[in-house]
Every structure is written in C-alpha cells, then in structure tokens.
C-alpha atoms as a PDB file:
ATOM      1  CA  MET A   1       5.876 -14.486  21.414  1.00  0.00           C
ATOM      2  CA  ILE A   2       6.985 -10.951  20.649  1.00  0.00           C
ATOM      3  CA  ASN A   3       8.330 -10.135  17.205  1.00  0.00           C
ATOM      4  CA  LYS A   4      12.048  -9.464  17.732  1.00  0.00           C
ATOM      5  CA  ARG A   5      12.448  -7.445  14.540  1.00  0.00           C
ATOM      6  CA  GLY A   6       9.845  -4.860  15.537  1.00  0.00           C
ATOM      7  CA  MET A   7       6.530  -3.871  14.055  1.00  0.00           C
ATOM      8  CA  LYS A   8       6.293  -3.615  10.288  1.00  0.00           C
ATOM      9  CA  ARG A   9       4.697  -0.535   8.764  1.00  0.00           C
ATOM     10  CA  GLN A  10       1.153  -0.950   7.432  1.00  0.00           C
ATOM     11  CA  MET A  11      -0.756   1.230   4.994  1.00  0.00           C
ATOM     12  CA  VAL A  12      -4.233   1.192   3.495  1.00  0.00           C
ATOM     13  CA  GLY A  13      -4.635   2.229  -0.116  1.00  0.00           C
ATOM     14  CA  THR A  14      -6.453   1.755  -3.401  1.00  0.00           C
ATOM     15  CA  VAL A  15      -5.195  -0.372  -6.283  1.00  0.00           C
ATOM     16  CA  VAL A  16      -4.608   1.804  -9.358  1.00  0.00           C
ATOM     17  CA  SER A  17      -2.818  -0.733 -11.583  1.00  0.00           C
ATOM     18  CA  ASP A  18      -2.720  -4.533 -11.823  1.00  0.00           C
ATOM     19  CA  LYS A  19      -1.078  -4.931 -15.237  1.00  0.00           C
ATOM     20  CA  ALA A  20       2.149  -6.573 -14.042  1.00  0.00           C
ATOM     21  CA  GLU A  21       2.437 -10.233 -13.084  1.00  0.00           C
ATOM     22  CA  LYS A  22       2.097 -10.639  -9.272  1.00  0.00           C
ATOM     23  CA  THR A  23       2.540  -6.879  -8.763  1.00  0.00           C
ATOM     24  CA  ILE A  24       0.032  -4.124  -8.052  1.00  0.00           C
ATOM     25  CA  ILE A  25       0.419  -0.373  -7.665  1.00  0.00           C
ATOM     26  CA  VAL A  26      -1.293   1.023  -4.557  1.00  0.00           C
ATOM     27  CA  LEU A  27      -2.157   4.698  -4.111  1.00  0.00           C
ATOM     28  CA  VAL A  28      -2.022   5.803  -0.457  1.00  0.00           C
ATOM     29  CA  GLU A  29      -3.529   9.141   0.573  1.00  0.00           C
ATOM     30  CA  ARG A  30      -2.948  10.897   3.887  1.00  0.00           C
ATOM     31  CA  LEU A  31      -3.849  14.251   5.404  1.00  0.00           C
ATOM     32  CA  VAL A  32      -1.006  16.424   6.674  1.00  0.00           C
ATOM     33  CA  ARG A  33      -1.399  19.696   8.527  1.00  0.00           C
ATOM     34  CA  HIS A  34       0.441  22.587   6.851  1.00  0.00           C
ATOM     35  CA  ARG A  35       3.028  24.070   9.181  1.00  0.00           C
ATOM     36  CA  GLU A  36       2.389  27.742   8.410  1.00  0.00           C
ATOM     37  CA  TYR A  37      -1.256  27.895   7.368  1.00  0.00           C
ATOM     38  CA  GLN A  38      -2.582  25.208   9.741  1.00  0.00           C
ATOM     39  CA  LYS A  39      -4.667  23.813   6.893  1.00  0.00           C
ATOM     40  CA  TYR A  40      -4.930  20.118   6.031  1.00  0.00           C
ATOM     41  CA  VAL A  41      -3.254  19.156   2.747  1.00  0.00           C
ATOM     42  CA  ARG A  42      -3.788  15.841   0.958  1.00  0.00           C
ATOM     43  CA  ARG A  43      -0.552  13.943   0.211  1.00  0.00           C
ATOM     44  CA  ARG A  44      -0.371  10.967  -2.156  1.00  0.00           C
ATOM     45  CA  ALA A  45       2.207   8.239  -2.683  1.00  0.00           C
ATOM     46  CA  LYS A  46       2.304   5.160  -4.932  1.00  0.00           C
ATOM     47  CA  PHE A  47       3.794   1.880  -3.764  1.00  0.00           C
ATOM     48  CA  ALA A  48       4.483  -1.301  -5.713  1.00  0.00           C
ATOM     49  CA  ALA A  49       3.230  -4.299  -3.727  1.00  0.00           C
ATOM     50  CA  HIS A  50       3.589  -8.052  -4.204  1.00  0.00           C
ATOM     51  CA  ASP A  51       0.295  -9.860  -4.906  1.00  0.00           C
ATOM     52  CA  ASP A  52       1.156 -13.557  -4.942  1.00  0.00           C
ATOM     53  CA  ASP A  53      -2.291 -14.817  -6.041  1.00  0.00           C
ATOM     54  CA  ASN A  54      -3.092 -12.030  -8.559  1.00  0.00           C
ATOM     55  CA  ALA A  55      -6.316 -11.574  -6.551  1.00  0.00           C
ATOM     56  CA  CYS A  56      -6.378  -7.754  -6.497  1.00  0.00           C
ATOM     57  CA  LYS A  57      -8.122  -5.733  -9.196  1.00  0.00           C
ATOM     58  CA  ILE A  58      -8.248  -2.001  -9.943  1.00  0.00           C
ATOM     59  CA  GLY A  59     -10.361  -0.149  -7.360  1.00  0.00           C
ATOM     60  CA  ASP A  60      -9.872  -2.649  -4.513  1.00  0.00           C
ATOM     61  CA  THR A  61      -8.954  -1.298  -1.080  1.00  0.00           C
ATOM     62  CA  VAL A  62      -6.009  -3.266   0.330  1.00  0.00           C
ATOM     63  CA  LEU A  63      -3.816  -3.411   3.421  1.00  0.00           C
ATOM     64  CA  ILE A  64      -0.099  -3.592   2.577  1.00  0.00           C
ATOM     65  CA  ILE A  65       2.763  -4.369   4.966  1.00  0.00           C
ATOM     66  CA  GLU A  66       6.433  -3.613   4.643  1.00  0.00           C
ATOM     67  CA  SER A  67       8.750  -6.476   3.682  1.00  0.00           C
ATOM     68  CA  ARG A  68      12.260  -7.173   2.516  1.00  0.00           C
ATOM     69  CA  PRO A  69      13.141  -5.892  -0.976  1.00  0.00           C
ATOM     70  CA  LEU A  70      11.521  -8.189  -3.542  1.00  0.00           C
ATOM     71  CA  SER A  71      12.764  -6.292  -6.610  1.00  0.00           C
ATOM     72  CA  LYS A  72      14.108  -2.873  -7.529  1.00  0.00           C
ATOM     73  CA  THR A  73      10.850  -1.125  -6.621  1.00  0.00           C
ATOM     74  CA  LYS A  74       8.856  -3.677  -4.565  1.00  0.00           C
ATOM     75  CA  HIS A  75       9.247  -3.428  -0.774  1.00  0.00           C
ATOM     76  CA  TRP A  76       5.615  -4.129   0.201  1.00  0.00           C
ATOM     77  CA  ARG A  77       3.306  -7.171   0.283  1.00  0.00           C
ATOM     78  CA  VAL A  78      -0.489  -7.371   0.170  1.00  0.00           C
ATOM     79  CA  SER A  79      -1.701  -8.451   3.604  1.00  0.00           C
ATOM     80  CA  LYS A  80      -5.443  -8.558   2.912  1.00  0.00           C
ATOM     81  CA  ILE A  81      -8.107  -7.163   0.633  1.00  0.00           C
ATOM     82  CA  LEU A  82     -10.356  -4.920   2.738  1.00  0.00           C
ATOM     83  CA  ALA A  83     -12.971  -4.097   0.080  1.00  0.00           C
ATOM     84  CA  LYS A  84     -13.519  -5.318  -3.465  1.00  0.00           C
ATOM     85  CA  ALA A  85     -14.275  -2.850  -6.275  1.00  0.00           C
ATOM     86  CA  VAL A  86     -17.888  -2.580  -7.386  1.00  0.00           C
END
C-alpha cells in the first residue's frame, strides 16, 4: 500500500543533548556548494526530536523522521539509532 500523505523527510545526525525528558537535540550537518565561489560550505542545523524510550545518549548517530508537531519546538521523531557512542 502506498502512503497517501507522501514521503516524510529523513535526516541523519548526531545527538548533542539528552538532558530533557523524552527529547534529544540532534545536530545535522550538510555540504552545500557556494553559488559564486563553487566551494563546498558546511551548514549545520539543530533539531529537537522525540525519543520515547530515552534510549539515545550524547554522541549517538540517529535517523530522525518528520512528524506532526509534538510541542512548540519538536517536529521530529527518532526512527532508529544507527551507531552508539563509544
């Protein structure tokens, strides 16, 4: 069955904070080519994501997917933990 609401956005990032209850902050980095200088520039963004089990710790690499608004700043959910921190 095809999802009628369309594909949800997915991002891979690193957990930088897990202090809140059931919430983590994920730092997502991407490379963007500069329009004039044709040089790659690193862009960063932080997203608040819902972690229902409090399983994520600082340094973990996680996959987050877009969801309905869960609070004022949370619009993402943790889909899976790709790599645990050492």
